[in-house]
Amino acid sequence: MTEFWESSFIENQMMWGFEPSDSAILTKDFFLEKKVKEILLPGIGYGRNAKVFIDNGITVTGIEISNTAIELARQNGLDINIFHGSVNDMPFDNKLYDGIFSYALIHLLNNHERAKFISDCFNQLKSGGYMIFTTISKEAPMFGKGKQLGKDYFEIMEGVKMFFYDFDSIKQEFGNYGLIEISEIVEPHKNMEKKPPFKFLMVKCQKE
């Protein structure tokens, strides 16, 4: 996984542009409403989703597997704490956060990694804190493409394995972690308007 993302960022640099995703904008609004002050962004990439939070006075800490992505974030003026490593190695600190936002990451993990990731995120939330995950759904055009590795789990191209969620699998995996809402969201490719949008699910949990 490290090699895949490292070579992707080296080759494609800021491959999704610098506009924040719609999910990040919605999450920013929600976090502001809930007076969230400090958040963790696992899989921060080169920071396109971080800036919208920072610009609204929220303190952001990131985790990123690709050193090149971290360098790109620095070049784009992101002077924040970013841990270099895989989310599989969480936690990187013993800090508790008001909020956690993970965009388009969890579906790239296998069963065991997903379970650990959800648990690790939940453990780093303050009491009353929120975690929001955006993940690919079975409605996405790539579902069923490539080599099947397990139920709803496919290697859609070499090196890219994806688990496709539906409402049932979300309830199953997030049910013990304060699941409060599942919603559908269509994410446009803001830097490639002709490309069909991704169909995602947004998962919202609160630690009581």
Protein backbone atom coordinates (compact mmCIF):
# COMPACT_ATOMS: atom_id res chain seq x y z
CA MET A 1 0.00 0.00 0.00
CA THR A 2 2.82 2.43 0.88
CA GLU A 3 4.53 1.90 -2.49
CA PHE A 4 1.27 2.33 -4.41
CA TRP A 5 0.45 5.69 -2.79
CA GLU A 6 4.04 6.90 -2.84
CA SER A 7 4.34 6.26 -6.59
CA SER A 8 0.81 7.71 -7.19
CA PHE A 9 1.69 10.99 -5.47
CA ILE A 10 5.12 11.16 -7.15
CA GLU A 11 3.56 10.58 -10.58
CA ASN A 12 0.28 12.49 -10.23
CA GLN A 13 1.13 15.05 -7.54
CA MET A 14 -2.11 16.83 -6.56
CA MET A 15 -4.25 14.34 -8.44
CA TRP A 16 -7.59 15.49 -7.02
CA GLY A 17 -6.92 19.22 -7.30
CA PHE A 18 -7.05 21.43 -4.22
CA GLU A 19 -10.79 21.96 -3.86
CA PRO A 20 -12.12 20.21 -0.73
CA SER A 21 -14.54 17.32 -1.22
CA ASP A 22 -18.24 17.95 -0.62
CA SER A 23 -18.01 15.54 2.34
CA ALA A 24 -15.32 17.70 3.94
CA ILE A 25 -17.45 20.84 3.52
CA LEU A 26 -20.50 19.14 5.08
CA THR A 27 -18.34 17.78 7.92
CA LYS A 28 -16.83 21.22 8.53
CA ASP A 29 -20.33 22.70 8.87
CA PHE A 30 -21.34 19.92 11.26
CA PHE A 31 -18.17 20.26 13.35
CA LEU A 32 -18.63 24.04 13.61
CA GLU A 33 -22.25 23.52 14.73
CA LYS A 34 -21.06 21.07 17.39
CA LYS A 35 -18.23 23.43 18.46
CA VAL A 36 -15.53 20.89 17.57
CA LYS A 37 -12.10 22.47 18.09
CA GLU A 38 -9.48 19.78 17.40
CA ILE A 39 -9.69 17.02 14.82
CA LEU A 40 -7.67 14.12 13.46
CA LEU A 41 -7.58 13.45 9.70
CA PRO A 42 -6.29 9.93 8.99
CA GLY A 43 -5.16 9.72 5.35
CA ILE A 44 -4.75 13.48 5.03
CA GLY A 45 -2.96 13.17 1.66
CA TYR A 46 -1.62 16.52 0.47
CA GLY A 47 -4.23 18.31 2.59
CA ARG A 48 -6.99 19.29 0.18
CA ASN A 49 -9.62 18.41 2.81
CA ALA A 50 -7.66 19.90 5.72
CA LYS A 51 -7.67 23.53 4.66
CA VAL A 52 -11.46 23.97 4.91
CA PHE A 53 -11.25 23.04 8.62
CA ILE A 54 -8.13 25.12 9.32
CA ASP A 55 -9.66 28.17 7.60
CA ASN A 56 -12.60 27.88 10.02
CA GLY A 57 -10.47 27.85 13.15
CA ILE A 58 -10.35 24.09 13.72
CA THR A 59 -6.96 22.63 14.71
CA VAL A 60 -6.04 19.70 12.44
CA THR A 61 -3.61 16.82 13.00
CA GLY A 62 -3.02 14.43 10.10
CA ILE A 63 -1.81 10.90 9.44
CA GLU A 64 -0.39 10.09 5.99
CA ILE A 65 1.34 7.03 4.55
CA SER A 66 3.04 8.88 1.65
CA ASN A 67 6.03 11.08 2.35
CA THR A 68 5.56 12.78 -1.04
CA ALA A 69 1.97 13.73 -0.10
CA ILE A 70 3.25 15.26 3.16
CA GLU A 71 5.86 17.26 1.20
CA LEU A 72 3.10 18.49 -1.17
CA ALA A 73 1.03 19.53 1.86
CA ARG A 74 4.02 21.52 3.17
CA GLN A 75 4.51 23.16 -0.24
CA ASN A 76 0.86 24.21 -0.10
CA GLY A 77 1.42 25.97 3.21
CA LEU A 78 -0.01 23.31 5.54
CA ASP A 79 2.04 23.96 8.66
CA ILE A 80 0.34 21.40 10.90
CA ASN A 81 1.33 18.22 12.69
CA ILE A 82 1.23 15.26 10.27
CA PHE A 83 2.32 11.81 11.43
CA HIS A 84 4.07 9.85 8.67
CA GLY A 85 2.81 6.27 8.70
CA SER A 86 -0.04 3.87 8.03
CA VAL A 87 -3.38 4.09 9.83
CA ASN A 88 -2.76 0.41 10.62
CA ASP A 89 -0.14 1.66 13.11
CA MET A 90 -2.51 3.98 14.99
CA PRO A 91 -2.42 5.47 17.53
CA PHE A 92 0.53 7.81 16.85
CA ASP A 93 -0.14 9.84 19.99
CA ASN A 94 -2.28 9.42 23.09
CA LYS A 95 -4.23 12.61 22.44
CA LEU A 96 -8.03 12.60 22.41
CA TYR A 97 -9.80 14.64 19.72
CA ASP A 98 -13.21 16.33 19.50
CA GLY A 99 -13.66 15.01 15.99
CA ILE A 100 -12.19 12.62 13.42
CA PHE A 101 -12.82 12.83 9.68
CA SER A 102 -11.68 10.08 7.34
CA TYR A 103 -12.30 10.56 3.63
CA ALA A 104 -12.21 7.67 1.13
CA LEU A 105 -9.79 5.58 3.14
CA ILE A 106 -11.55 2.82 5.07
CA HIS A 107 -12.68 0.96 1.93
CA LEU A 108 -8.99 0.44 0.99
CA LEU A 109 -8.46 -1.75 4.08
CA ASN A 110 -9.15 -5.44 4.58
CA ASN A 111 -11.59 -6.83 7.20
CA HIS A 112 -9.09 -6.96 10.05
CA GLU A 113 -7.62 -3.52 9.22
CA ARG A 114 -11.07 -1.91 9.00
CA ALA A 115 -12.10 -3.26 12.40
CA LYS A 116 -8.86 -2.00 13.98
CA PHE A 117 -9.14 1.40 12.26
CA ILE A 118 -12.70 2.01 13.49
CA SER A 119 -11.75 0.95 17.01
CA ASP A 120 -8.54 3.06 17.00
CA CYS A 121 -10.45 6.15 15.84
CA PHE A 122 -13.16 5.64 18.46
CA ASN A 123 -10.51 5.26 21.17
CA GLN A 124 -9.00 8.64 20.20
CA LEU A 125 -12.30 10.49 20.54
CA LYS A 126 -13.13 12.55 23.59
CA SER A 127 -16.39 11.70 25.32
CA GLY A 128 -19.15 13.32 23.24
CA GLY A 129 -16.82 13.54 20.22
CA TYR A 130 -17.81 12.67 16.65
CA MET A 131 -16.17 10.58 13.94
CA ILE A 132 -17.26 10.80 10.33
CA PHE A 133 -16.16 8.41 7.58
CA THR A 134 -16.83 8.75 3.86
CA THR A 135 -16.58 5.45 2.03
CA ILE A 136 -17.34 3.96 -1.37
CA SER A 137 -20.70 2.24 -1.76
CA LYS A 138 -21.94 -0.73 -3.76
CA GLU A 139 -23.71 1.81 -6.00
CA ALA A 140 -20.32 2.93 -7.37
CA PRO A 141 -19.56 2.00 -11.00
CA MET A 142 -16.43 0.03 -9.98
CA PHE A 143 -18.42 -2.42 -7.83
CA GLY A 144 -17.96 -5.96 -9.08
CA LYS A 145 -15.05 -5.03 -11.38
CA GLY A 146 -11.70 -6.80 -11.30
CA LYS A 147 -10.79 -9.81 -9.17
CA GLN A 148 -13.12 -10.77 -6.34
CA LEU A 149 -11.23 -11.30 -3.07
CA GLY A 150 -14.19 -11.77 -0.73
CA LYS A 151 -17.78 -10.63 -0.17
CA ASP A 152 -18.06 -7.10 -1.64
CA TYR A 153 -14.23 -6.96 -1.76
CA PHE A 154 -12.45 -6.57 -5.13
CA GLU A 155 -9.03 -5.82 -6.52
CA ILE A 156 -10.30 -3.29 -9.05
CA MET A 157 -6.82 -2.80 -10.56
CA GLU A 158 -3.37 -3.96 -9.61
CA GLY A 159 -2.56 -2.80 -6.10
CA VAL A 160 -5.99 -1.26 -5.43
CA LYS A 161 -8.27 -3.41 -3.28
CA MET A 162 -11.66 -2.00 -2.30
CA PHE A 163 -14.41 -3.07 0.04
CA PHE A 164 -17.79 -1.75 -1.10
CA TYR A 165 -20.18 -0.85 1.71
CA ASP A 166 -23.96 -0.88 1.93
CA PHE A 167 -26.21 0.08 4.85
CA ASP A 168 -26.07 -3.46 6.30
CA SER A 169 -22.27 -3.74 6.33
CA ILE A 170 -22.00 -0.25 7.85
CA LYS A 171 -24.40 -1.22 10.66
CA GLN A 172 -22.39 -4.41 11.18
CA GLU A 173 -18.97 -2.70 11.37
CA PHE A 174 -19.92 0.60 13.07
CA GLY A 175 -22.88 -0.58 15.17
CA ASN A 176 -20.85 -0.87 18.40
CA TYR A 177 -19.21 2.54 17.91
CA GLY A 178 -22.00 5.03 18.50
CA LEU A 179 -23.44 4.94 14.96
CA ILE A 180 -25.98 7.77 14.65
CA GLU A 181 -26.43 8.32 10.92
CA ILE A 182 -25.75 6.85 7.48
CA SER A 183 -26.34 9.04 4.43
CA GLU A 184 -25.63 8.82 0.71
CA ILE A 185 -23.47 11.42 -0.97
CA VAL A 186 -22.46 11.87 -4.60
CA GLU A 187 -18.90 13.22 -4.82
CA PRO A 188 -18.02 15.04 -8.05
CA HIS A 189 -14.47 15.01 -9.42
CA LYS A 190 -13.89 18.73 -9.04
CA ASN A 191 -10.75 18.81 -11.18
CA MET A 192 -12.13 16.44 -13.87
CA GLU A 193 -15.74 17.41 -14.47
CA LYS A 194 -16.30 14.91 -17.26
CA LYS A 195 -15.49 11.95 -15.00
CA PRO A 196 -18.60 10.35 -13.46
CA PRO A 197 -19.02 11.17 -9.75
CA PHE A 198 -18.32 8.68 -6.98
CA LYS A 199 -21.24 7.30 -5.00
CA PHE A 200 -20.24 7.37 -1.37
CA LEU A 201 -21.79 6.71 2.01
CA MET A 202 -21.20 9.04 4.94
CA VAL A 203 -21.06 7.38 8.36
CA LYS A 204 -21.50 9.48 11.48
CA CYS A 205 -20.76 8.19 14.99
CA GLN A 206 -20.73 9.80 18.42
CA LYS A 207 -18.86 8.60 21.50
CA GLU A 208 -21.30 8.91 24.39
